[in-house]
Amino acid sequence: MTMRRYYLLLLAVLLLAGCGFQPRGEVTRPPAAMEPLLLRGLAEHHPFLRELRRQLERAGVQLATSADEAGGVLRISLKQESRIFSVNANNAAVEYEYLFTLRFDAEQPPGTSAGSGELQARRIVYAPGGQLLGRVREGEMRRRDVYSDLARRLIRRLAAL
């Protein structure tokens, strides 16, 4: 019976590994040839750029501060759009749709394109009338979640280059 359990466990592990499953905390990293990596395109203190830096540093990626020391350059632009998603009986907006579009261009070595792409994230936020403070906090929380998600997806995309 124990041998059968062993084989079932081995089969489950192989199936999970074969389908691309990754534990949530596992961090991928861009190619080592891109290090140190220079980030360009967004303001120095932009919340997305801070989140991307945090995740890259957690993955052990060296970040460059100038173009002279960079082994690779990542140019990014982030666009956020919002629109009314639904209205109530009084024709007042109760849900908003936020669309985040991240465009990136990786250069390795600097000046030579290694790949580019676009990532999108869409969130719908319920915002009934009143409760202004709660709506503002929920919006900030959703934005942080989107930035974290986009940063993770961008790092995975860079690792595939």
N, C-alpha and C. Protein backbone atom coordinates (compact mmCIF):
# COMPACT_ATOMS: atom_id res chain seq x y z
N MET A 1 0.82 -1.20 0.00
CA MET A 1 0.00 0.00 0.00
C MET A 1 0.86 1.26 0.00
N THR A 2 1.97 1.27 0.75
CA THR A 2 2.82 2.46 0.79
C THR A 2 3.50 2.70 -0.55
N MET A 3 3.84 1.63 -1.26
CA MET A 3 4.46 1.79 -2.57
C MET A 3 3.46 2.41 -3.55
N ARG A 4 2.20 2.02 -3.44
CA ARG A 4 1.17 2.59 -4.31
C ARG A 4 1.00 4.08 -4.03
N ARG A 5 1.01 4.47 -2.77
CA ARG A 5 0.92 5.90 -2.41
C ARG A 5 2.11 6.67 -2.96
N TYR A 6 3.26 6.06 -2.87
CA TYR A 6 4.47 6.70 -3.38
C TYR A 6 4.33 6.97 -4.88
N TYR A 7 3.86 5.98 -5.63
CA TYR A 7 3.68 6.16 -7.07
C TYR A 7 2.60 7.20 -7.39
N LEU A 8 1.53 7.21 -6.62
CA LEU A 8 0.48 8.22 -6.83
C LEU A 8 1.00 9.63 -6.54
N LEU A 9 1.78 9.76 -5.49
CA LEU A 9 2.37 11.05 -5.17
C LEU A 9 3.34 11.49 -6.26
N LEU A 10 4.14 10.57 -6.73
CA LEU A 10 5.07 10.87 -7.81
C LEU A 10 4.32 11.27 -9.08
N LEU A 11 3.25 10.58 -9.38
CA LEU A 11 2.43 10.92 -10.56
C LEU A 11 1.82 12.31 -10.41
N ALA A 12 1.32 12.64 -9.23
CA ALA A 12 0.73 13.96 -9.00
C ALA A 12 1.77 15.06 -9.16
N VAL A 13 2.96 14.84 -8.64
CA VAL A 13 4.04 15.83 -8.77
C VAL A 13 4.43 16.02 -10.23
N LEU A 14 4.54 14.94 -10.96
CA LEU A 14 4.90 15.03 -12.38
C LEU A 14 3.81 15.73 -13.19
N LEU A 15 2.55 15.47 -12.87
CA LEU A 15 1.46 16.16 -13.58
C LEU A 15 1.49 17.66 -13.31
N LEU A 16 1.70 18.03 -12.05
CA LEU A 16 1.76 19.45 -11.71
C LEU A 16 2.96 20.13 -12.37
N ALA A 17 4.07 19.46 -12.38
CA ALA A 17 5.26 20.04 -13.01
C ALA A 17 5.08 20.14 -14.53
N GLY A 18 4.43 19.18 -15.11
CA GLY A 18 4.23 19.16 -16.56
C GLY A 18 3.26 20.23 -17.05
N CYS A 19 2.32 20.65 -16.20
CA CYS A 19 1.34 21.64 -16.65
C CYS A 19 1.83 23.07 -16.40
N GLY A 20 3.01 23.24 -15.84
CA GLY A 20 3.54 24.59 -15.64
C GLY A 20 3.18 25.18 -14.29
N PHE A 21 2.64 24.39 -13.38
CA PHE A 21 2.27 24.90 -12.07
C PHE A 21 3.50 25.41 -11.33
N GLN A 22 3.38 26.58 -10.73
CA GLN A 22 4.44 27.14 -9.91
C GLN A 22 3.85 27.61 -8.60
N PRO A 23 4.46 27.29 -7.47
CA PRO A 23 3.97 27.84 -6.22
C PRO A 23 3.99 29.36 -6.28
N ARG A 24 3.05 30.00 -5.62
CA ARG A 24 2.89 31.44 -5.72
C ARG A 24 4.13 32.22 -5.29
N GLY A 25 4.83 31.76 -4.29
CA GLY A 25 5.98 32.50 -3.80
C GLY A 25 7.25 32.33 -4.61
N GLU A 26 7.23 31.39 -5.55
CA GLU A 26 8.44 31.13 -6.33
C GLU A 26 8.69 32.28 -7.30
N VAL A 27 9.93 32.72 -7.34
CA VAL A 27 10.28 33.89 -8.15
C VAL A 27 11.12 33.45 -9.34
N THR A 28 10.74 33.92 -10.51
CA THR A 28 11.56 33.70 -11.70
C THR A 28 12.45 34.92 -11.86
N ARG A 29 13.47 34.80 -12.66
CA ARG A 29 14.37 35.94 -12.87
C ARG A 29 14.74 36.06 -14.33
N PRO A 30 14.98 37.29 -14.77
CA PRO A 30 15.41 37.51 -16.16
C PRO A 30 16.77 36.88 -16.41
N PRO A 31 17.18 36.76 -17.67
CA PRO A 31 18.49 36.18 -17.98
C PRO A 31 19.62 36.96 -17.30
N ALA A 32 20.63 36.24 -16.86
CA ALA A 32 21.76 36.87 -16.17
C ALA A 32 22.50 37.84 -17.07
N ALA A 33 22.43 37.65 -18.38
CA ALA A 33 23.13 38.55 -19.30
C ALA A 33 22.56 39.96 -19.28
N MET A 34 21.33 40.11 -18.78
CA MET A 34 20.72 41.44 -18.72
C MET A 34 21.16 42.22 -17.48
N GLU A 35 21.90 41.57 -16.60
CA GLU A 35 22.30 42.23 -15.36
C GLU A 35 23.61 42.98 -15.55
N PRO A 36 23.78 44.08 -14.86
CA PRO A 36 22.77 44.81 -14.10
C PRO A 36 21.74 45.43 -15.05
N LEU A 37 20.49 45.44 -14.60
CA LEU A 37 19.37 45.88 -15.42
C LEU A 37 19.01 47.33 -15.11
N LEU A 38 18.88 48.13 -16.15
CA LEU A 38 18.50 49.53 -16.01
C LEU A 38 17.03 49.68 -16.38
N LEU A 39 16.25 50.29 -15.50
CA LEU A 39 14.82 50.50 -15.74
C LEU A 39 14.60 51.92 -16.21
N ARG A 40 13.90 52.08 -17.33
CA ARG A 40 13.65 53.40 -17.91
C ARG A 40 12.18 53.55 -18.27
N GLY A 41 11.72 54.80 -18.31
CA GLY A 41 10.41 55.07 -18.87
C GLY A 41 9.39 55.64 -17.91
N LEU A 42 9.45 55.28 -16.65
CA LEU A 42 8.51 55.81 -15.66
C LEU A 42 9.25 56.71 -14.68
N ALA A 43 8.49 57.57 -14.03
CA ALA A 43 9.08 58.45 -13.01
C ALA A 43 9.73 57.60 -11.92
N GLU A 44 10.78 58.12 -11.34
CA GLU A 44 11.58 57.39 -10.35
C GLU A 44 10.74 56.84 -9.19
N HIS A 45 9.75 57.58 -8.75
CA HIS A 45 8.97 57.16 -7.58
C HIS A 45 7.57 56.68 -7.94
N HIS A 46 7.39 56.25 -9.17
CA HIS A 46 6.09 55.71 -9.60
C HIS A 46 5.83 54.42 -8.82
N PRO A 47 4.61 54.22 -8.31
CA PRO A 47 4.33 53.01 -7.52
C PRO A 47 4.61 51.70 -8.27
N PHE A 48 4.34 51.66 -9.57
CA PHE A 48 4.64 50.43 -10.31
C PHE A 48 6.13 50.18 -10.37
N LEU A 49 6.90 51.22 -10.60
CA LEU A 49 8.36 51.07 -10.68
C LEU A 49 8.92 50.60 -9.34
N ARG A 50 8.38 51.12 -8.24
CA ARG A 50 8.82 50.66 -6.92
C ARG A 50 8.51 49.18 -6.73
N GLU A 51 7.31 48.76 -7.14
CA GLU A 51 6.93 47.35 -7.00
C GLU A 51 7.80 46.46 -7.88
N LEU A 52 8.08 46.89 -9.10
CA LEU A 52 8.93 46.11 -10.00
C LEU A 52 10.34 45.99 -9.42
N ARG A 53 10.88 47.08 -8.92
CA ARG A 53 12.21 47.04 -8.28
C ARG A 53 12.23 46.07 -7.11
N ARG A 54 11.19 46.14 -6.28
CA ARG A 54 11.12 45.28 -5.10
C ARG A 54 11.13 43.81 -5.52
N GLN A 55 10.34 43.47 -6.53
CA GLN A 55 10.28 42.07 -6.96
C GLN A 55 11.57 41.62 -7.65
N LEU A 56 12.18 42.51 -8.41
CA LEU A 56 13.45 42.16 -9.06
C LEU A 56 14.55 41.95 -8.01
N GLU A 57 14.60 42.82 -7.01
CA GLU A 57 15.61 42.66 -5.96
C GLU A 57 15.36 41.39 -5.17
N ARG A 58 14.09 41.06 -4.93
CA ARG A 58 13.77 39.83 -4.22
C ARG A 58 14.20 38.60 -5.02
N ALA A 59 14.20 38.73 -6.35
CA ALA A 59 14.65 37.63 -7.21
C ALA A 59 16.17 37.58 -7.33
N GLY A 60 16.86 38.56 -6.75
CA GLY A 60 18.32 38.58 -6.79
C GLY A 60 18.89 39.27 -8.01
N VAL A 61 18.10 40.07 -8.70
CA VAL A 61 18.56 40.77 -9.90
C VAL A 61 19.26 42.06 -9.49
N GLN A 62 20.44 42.29 -10.06
CA GLN A 62 21.15 43.55 -9.81
C GLN A 62 20.56 44.63 -10.69
N LEU A 63 20.33 45.80 -10.10
CA LEU A 63 19.78 46.93 -10.85
C LEU A 63 20.85 47.98 -11.07
N ALA A 64 20.90 48.52 -12.27
CA ALA A 64 21.88 49.55 -12.62
C ALA A 64 21.29 50.92 -12.33
N THR A 65 22.17 51.88 -12.04
CA THR A 65 21.73 53.26 -11.82
C THR A 65 22.07 54.16 -12.99
N SER A 66 22.94 53.69 -13.89
CA SER A 66 23.29 54.50 -15.06
C SER A 66 23.43 53.59 -16.28
N ALA A 67 23.35 54.19 -17.45
CA ALA A 67 23.43 53.43 -18.70
C ALA A 67 24.82 52.83 -18.91
N ASP A 68 25.86 53.44 -18.33
CA ASP A 68 27.23 52.95 -18.50
C ASP A 68 27.43 51.57 -17.89
N GLU A 69 26.80 51.32 -16.76
CA GLU A 69 27.01 50.05 -16.07
C GLU A 69 25.96 49.00 -16.41
N ALA A 70 24.99 49.31 -17.26
CA ALA A 70 23.88 48.41 -17.55
C ALA A 70 24.27 47.31 -18.53
N GLY A 71 23.85 46.09 -18.22
CA GLY A 71 24.01 44.97 -19.14
C GLY A 71 22.76 44.82 -20.00
N GLY A 72 21.67 45.41 -19.53
CA GLY A 72 20.41 45.38 -20.26
C GLY A 72 19.56 46.56 -19.84
N VAL A 73 18.68 46.97 -20.72
CA VAL A 73 17.79 48.10 -20.44
C VAL A 73 16.36 47.63 -20.64
N LEU A 74 15.50 48.00 -19.71
CA LEU A 74 14.09 47.69 -19.82
C LEU A 74 13.32 49.00 -19.85
N ARG A 75 12.73 49.29 -21.00
CA ARG A 75 11.93 50.52 -21.15
C ARG A 75 10.47 50.13 -20.97
N ILE A 76 9.80 50.84 -20.06
CA ILE A 76 8.41 50.51 -19.77
C ILE A 76 7.54 51.76 -19.80
N SER A 77 6.32 51.56 -20.21
CA SER A 77 5.31 52.62 -20.13
C SER A 77 4.03 51.98 -19.61
N LEU A 78 3.32 52.72 -18.80
CA LEU A 78 2.11 52.21 -18.18
C LEU A 78 0.98 53.20 -18.40
N LYS A 79 -0.11 52.71 -18.94
CA LYS A 79 -1.26 53.57 -19.20
C LYS A 79 -2.45 53.02 -18.43
N GLN A 80 -3.19 53.90 -17.76
CA GLN A 80 -4.37 53.48 -17.01
C GLN A 80 -5.59 54.21 -17.57
N GLU A 81 -6.61 53.45 -17.89
CA GLU A 81 -7.86 54.02 -18.37
C GLU A 81 -8.98 53.58 -17.43
N SER A 82 -9.96 54.43 -17.27
CA SER A 82 -11.12 54.05 -16.48
C SER A 82 -12.38 54.50 -17.20
N ARG A 83 -13.42 53.72 -16.99
CA ARG A 83 -14.71 54.08 -17.57
C ARG A 83 -15.81 53.50 -16.70
N ILE A 84 -17.00 54.06 -16.87
CA ILE A 84 -18.15 53.57 -16.11
C ILE A 84 -18.53 52.21 -16.67
N PHE A 85 -18.70 51.26 -15.77
CA PHE A 85 -19.02 49.89 -16.18
C PHE A 85 -20.52 49.62 -16.07
N SER A 86 -21.14 50.13 -14.98
CA SER A 86 -22.59 49.96 -14.84
C SER A 86 -23.16 51.12 -14.03
N VAL A 87 -24.45 51.34 -14.21
CA VAL A 87 -25.16 52.41 -13.51
C VAL A 87 -26.36 51.83 -12.78
N ASN A 88 -26.86 52.58 -11.78
CA ASN A 88 -28.04 52.13 -11.05
C ASN A 88 -29.31 52.69 -11.69
N ALA A 89 -30.44 52.52 -11.03
CA ALA A 89 -31.73 52.98 -11.57
C ALA A 89 -31.79 54.49 -11.73
N ASN A 90 -31.00 55.23 -10.94
CA ASN A 90 -30.97 56.69 -11.03
C ASN A 90 -29.94 57.18 -12.04
N ASN A 91 -29.39 56.28 -12.79
CA ASN A 91 -28.38 56.60 -13.80
C ASN A 91 -27.08 57.14 -13.19
N ALA A 92 -26.78 56.69 -11.99
CA ALA A 92 -25.52 57.06 -11.32
C ALA A 92 -24.57 55.86 -11.41
N ALA A 93 -23.31 56.14 -11.63
CA ALA A 93 -22.31 55.08 -11.77
C ALA A 93 -22.14 54.31 -10.47
N VAL A 94 -22.17 52.99 -10.55
CA VAL A 94 -21.95 52.16 -9.37
C VAL A 94 -20.76 51.21 -9.54
N GLU A 95 -20.34 50.99 -10.78
CA GLU A 95 -19.16 50.16 -11.02
C GLU A 95 -18.30 50.83 -12.07
N TYR A 96 -16.99 50.73 -11.84
CA TYR A 96 -16.03 51.30 -12.77
C TYR A 96 -15.11 50.20 -13.25
N GLU A 97 -14.71 50.30 -14.50
CA GLU A 97 -13.75 49.36 -15.07
C GLU A 97 -12.42 50.09 -15.24
N TYR A 98 -11.36 49.48 -14.73
CA TYR A 98 -10.02 50.04 -14.87
C TYR A 98 -9.21 49.11 -15.77
N LEU A 99 -8.59 49.69 -16.78
CA LEU A 99 -7.75 48.92 -17.69
C LEU A 99 -6.33 49.46 -17.62
N PHE A 100 -5.40 48.58 -17.27
CA PHE A 100 -3.99 48.94 -17.18
C PHE A 100 -3.27 48.28 -18.35
N THR A 101 -2.51 49.06 -19.10
CA THR A 101 -1.75 48.54 -20.23
C THR A 101 -0.27 48.84 -20.01
N LEU A 102 0.53 47.79 -19.92
CA LEU A 102 1.97 47.92 -19.71
C LEU A 102 2.67 47.53 -21.01
N ARG A 103 3.44 48.45 -21.55
CA ARG A 103 4.25 48.16 -22.74
C ARG A 103 5.70 48.14 -22.31
N PHE A 104 6.45 47.18 -22.84
CA PHE A 104 7.86 47.09 -22.48
C PHE A 104 8.71 46.75 -23.68
N ASP A 105 9.96 47.16 -23.61
CA ASP A 105 10.94 46.86 -24.64
C ASP A 105 12.25 46.55 -23.92
N ALA A 106 12.73 45.33 -24.08
CA ALA A 106 13.98 44.91 -23.44
C ALA A 106 15.12 45.02 -24.44
N GLU A 107 16.23 45.57 -23.98
CA GLU A 107 17.42 45.70 -24.81
C GLU A 107 18.58 44.98 -24.13
N GLN A 108 19.24 44.11 -24.89
CA GLN A 108 20.37 43.38 -24.34
C GLN A 108 21.33 43.06 -25.46
N PRO A 109 22.48 43.64 -25.54
CA PRO A 109 23.01 44.76 -24.75
C PRO A 109 22.24 46.03 -25.08
N PRO A 110 22.45 47.08 -24.29
CA PRO A 110 21.72 48.32 -24.54
C PRO A 110 21.85 48.76 -26.00
N GLY A 111 20.71 49.06 -26.60
CA GLY A 111 20.68 49.47 -28.00
C GLY A 111 20.26 48.37 -28.95
N THR A 112 20.30 47.11 -28.51
CA THR A 112 19.91 45.97 -29.33
C THR A 112 18.64 45.35 -28.73
N SER A 113 17.56 45.36 -29.48
CA SER A 113 16.28 44.87 -28.97
C SER A 113 16.34 43.36 -28.72
N ALA A 114 15.91 42.97 -27.51
CA ALA A 114 15.85 41.55 -27.16
C ALA A 114 14.41 41.06 -27.15
N GLY A 115 13.48 41.98 -27.25
CA GLY A 115 12.06 41.60 -27.26
C GLY A 115 11.22 42.73 -26.70
N SER A 116 9.98 42.74 -27.09
CA SER A 116 9.05 43.74 -26.58
C SER A 116 7.68 43.09 -26.46
N GLY A 117 6.79 43.77 -25.80
CA GLY A 117 5.46 43.20 -25.63
C GLY A 117 4.54 44.13 -24.89
N GLU A 118 3.36 43.60 -24.64
CA GLU A 118 2.33 44.37 -23.95
C GLU A 118 1.59 43.45 -23.01
N LEU A 119 1.35 43.91 -21.81
CA LEU A 119 0.57 43.17 -20.82
C LEU A 119 -0.62 44.03 -20.43
N GLN A 120 -1.76 43.39 -20.19
CA GLN A 120 -2.94 44.13 -19.76
C GLN A 120 -3.54 43.50 -18.52
N ALA A 121 -4.12 44.35 -17.70
CA ALA A 121 -4.85 43.90 -16.53
C ALA A 121 -6.13 44.71 -16.46
N ARG A 122 -7.21 44.06 -16.13
CA ARG A 122 -8.51 44.73 -16.07
C ARG A 122 -9.15 44.41 -14.73
N ARG A 123 -9.65 45.43 -14.07
CA ARG A 123 -10.33 45.26 -12.79
C ARG A 123 -11.64 46.03 -12.83
N ILE A 124 -12.65 45.46 -12.18
CA ILE A 124 -13.93 46.14 -12.04
C ILE A 124 -14.12 46.42 -10.56
N VAL A 125 -14.40 47.68 -10.25
CA VAL A 125 -14.52 48.12 -8.86
C VAL A 125 -15.95 48.57 -8.61
N TYR A 126 -16.55 48.02 -7.57
CA TYR A 126 -17.89 48.41 -7.15
C TYR A 126 -17.75 49.66 -6.29
N ALA A 127 -18.46 50.71 -6.66
CA ALA A 127 -18.34 51.99 -5.95
C ALA A 127 -19.72 52.62 -5.76
N PRO A 128 -20.48 52.15 -4.76
CA PRO A 128 -21.79 52.74 -4.54
C PRO A 128 -21.66 54.17 -4.03
N GLY A 129 -22.74 54.91 -4.09
CA GLY A 129 -22.70 56.30 -3.61
C GLY A 129 -22.32 56.35 -2.14
N GLY A 130 -21.73 57.45 -1.72
CA GLY A 130 -21.28 57.58 -0.33
C GLY A 130 -20.00 56.80 -0.10
N GLN A 131 -19.62 56.65 1.13
CA GLN A 131 -18.45 55.87 1.54
C GLN A 131 -17.21 56.25 0.74
N LEU A 132 -16.97 57.54 0.63
CA LEU A 132 -15.87 58.04 -0.19
C LEU A 132 -14.51 57.51 0.27
N LEU A 133 -14.27 57.53 1.58
CA LEU A 133 -12.98 57.07 2.10
C LEU A 133 -12.75 55.59 1.77
N GLY A 134 -13.78 54.78 1.91
CA GLY A 134 -13.66 53.36 1.59
C GLY A 134 -13.39 53.13 0.12
N ARG A 135 -14.03 53.92 -0.74
CA ARG A 135 -13.80 53.78 -2.18
C ARG A 135 -12.37 54.14 -2.55
N VAL A 136 -11.86 55.21 -1.93
CA VAL A 136 -10.48 55.63 -2.23
C VAL A 136 -9.50 54.55 -1.79
N ARG A 137 -9.70 54.01 -0.60
CA ARG A 137 -8.79 52.96 -0.11
C ARG A 137 -8.88 51.70 -0.95
N GLU A 138 -10.09 51.33 -1.34
CA GLU A 138 -10.23 50.14 -2.18
C GLU A 138 -9.55 50.36 -3.54
N GLY A 139 -9.68 51.56 -4.08
CA GLY A 139 -9.02 51.87 -5.34
C GLY A 139 -7.51 51.76 -5.23
N GLU A 140 -6.95 52.28 -4.13
CA GLU A 140 -5.50 52.18 -3.91
C GLU A 140 -5.07 50.72 -3.76
N MET A 141 -5.88 49.96 -3.03
CA MET A 141 -5.55 48.55 -2.81
C MET A 141 -5.60 47.77 -4.13
N ARG A 142 -6.61 48.03 -4.94
CA ARG A 142 -6.71 47.36 -6.24
C ARG A 142 -5.54 47.74 -7.14
N ARG A 143 -5.16 49.01 -7.10
CA ARG A 143 -4.04 49.48 -7.93
C ARG A 143 -2.75 48.78 -7.52
N ARG A 144 -2.52 48.65 -6.21
CA ARG A 144 -1.33 47.94 -5.73
C ARG A 144 -1.34 46.48 -6.19
N ASP A 145 -2.52 45.85 -6.11
CA ASP A 145 -2.63 44.46 -6.55
C ASP A 145 -2.32 44.33 -8.04
N VAL A 146 -2.84 45.27 -8.83
CA VAL A 146 -2.58 45.24 -10.27
C VAL A 146 -1.10 45.44 -10.55
N TYR A 147 -0.47 46.39 -9.85
CA TYR A 147 0.96 46.64 -10.05
C TYR A 147 1.78 45.41 -9.70
N SER A 148 1.42 44.75 -8.62
CA SER A 148 2.13 43.54 -8.21
C SER A 148 1.95 42.44 -9.25
N ASP A 149 0.74 42.27 -9.73
CA ASP A 149 0.45 41.25 -10.74
C ASP A 149 1.19 41.55 -12.04
N LEU A 150 1.16 42.79 -12.50
CA LEU A 150 1.86 43.15 -13.73
C LEU A 150 3.37 42.98 -13.60
N ALA A 151 3.92 43.31 -12.44
CA ALA A 151 5.36 43.15 -12.22
C ALA A 151 5.74 41.67 -12.28
N ARG A 152 4.96 40.81 -11.65
CA ARG A 152 5.22 39.36 -11.70
C ARG A 152 5.15 38.84 -13.13
N ARG A 153 4.13 39.26 -13.85
CA ARG A 153 3.97 38.80 -15.24
C ARG A 153 5.10 39.32 -16.13
N LEU A 154 5.53 40.56 -15.90
CA LEU A 154 6.63 41.12 -16.68
C LEU A 154 7.92 40.35 -16.43
N ILE A 155 8.20 40.02 -15.18
CA ILE A 155 9.42 39.28 -14.85
C ILE A 155 9.38 37.89 -15.50
N ARG A 156 8.22 37.24 -15.47
CA ARG A 156 8.10 35.93 -16.13
C ARG A 156 8.33 36.06 -17.63
N ARG A 157 7.82 37.13 -18.22
CA ARG A 157 8.00 37.35 -19.67
C ARG A 157 9.47 37.60 -19.98
N LEU A 158 10.15 38.37 -19.12
CA LEU A 158 11.58 38.63 -19.34
C LEU A 158 12.39 37.35 -19.21
N ALA A 159 11.99 36.49 -18.29
CA ALA A 159 12.72 35.23 -18.10
C ALA A 159 12.62 34.35 -19.34
N ALA A 160 11.56 34.53 -20.12
CA ALA A 160 11.36 33.71 -21.32
C ALA A 160 12.14 34.25 -22.52
N LEU A 161 12.71 35.45 -22.41
CA LEU A 161 13.46 36.03 -23.54
C LEU A 161 14.75 35.28 -23.79
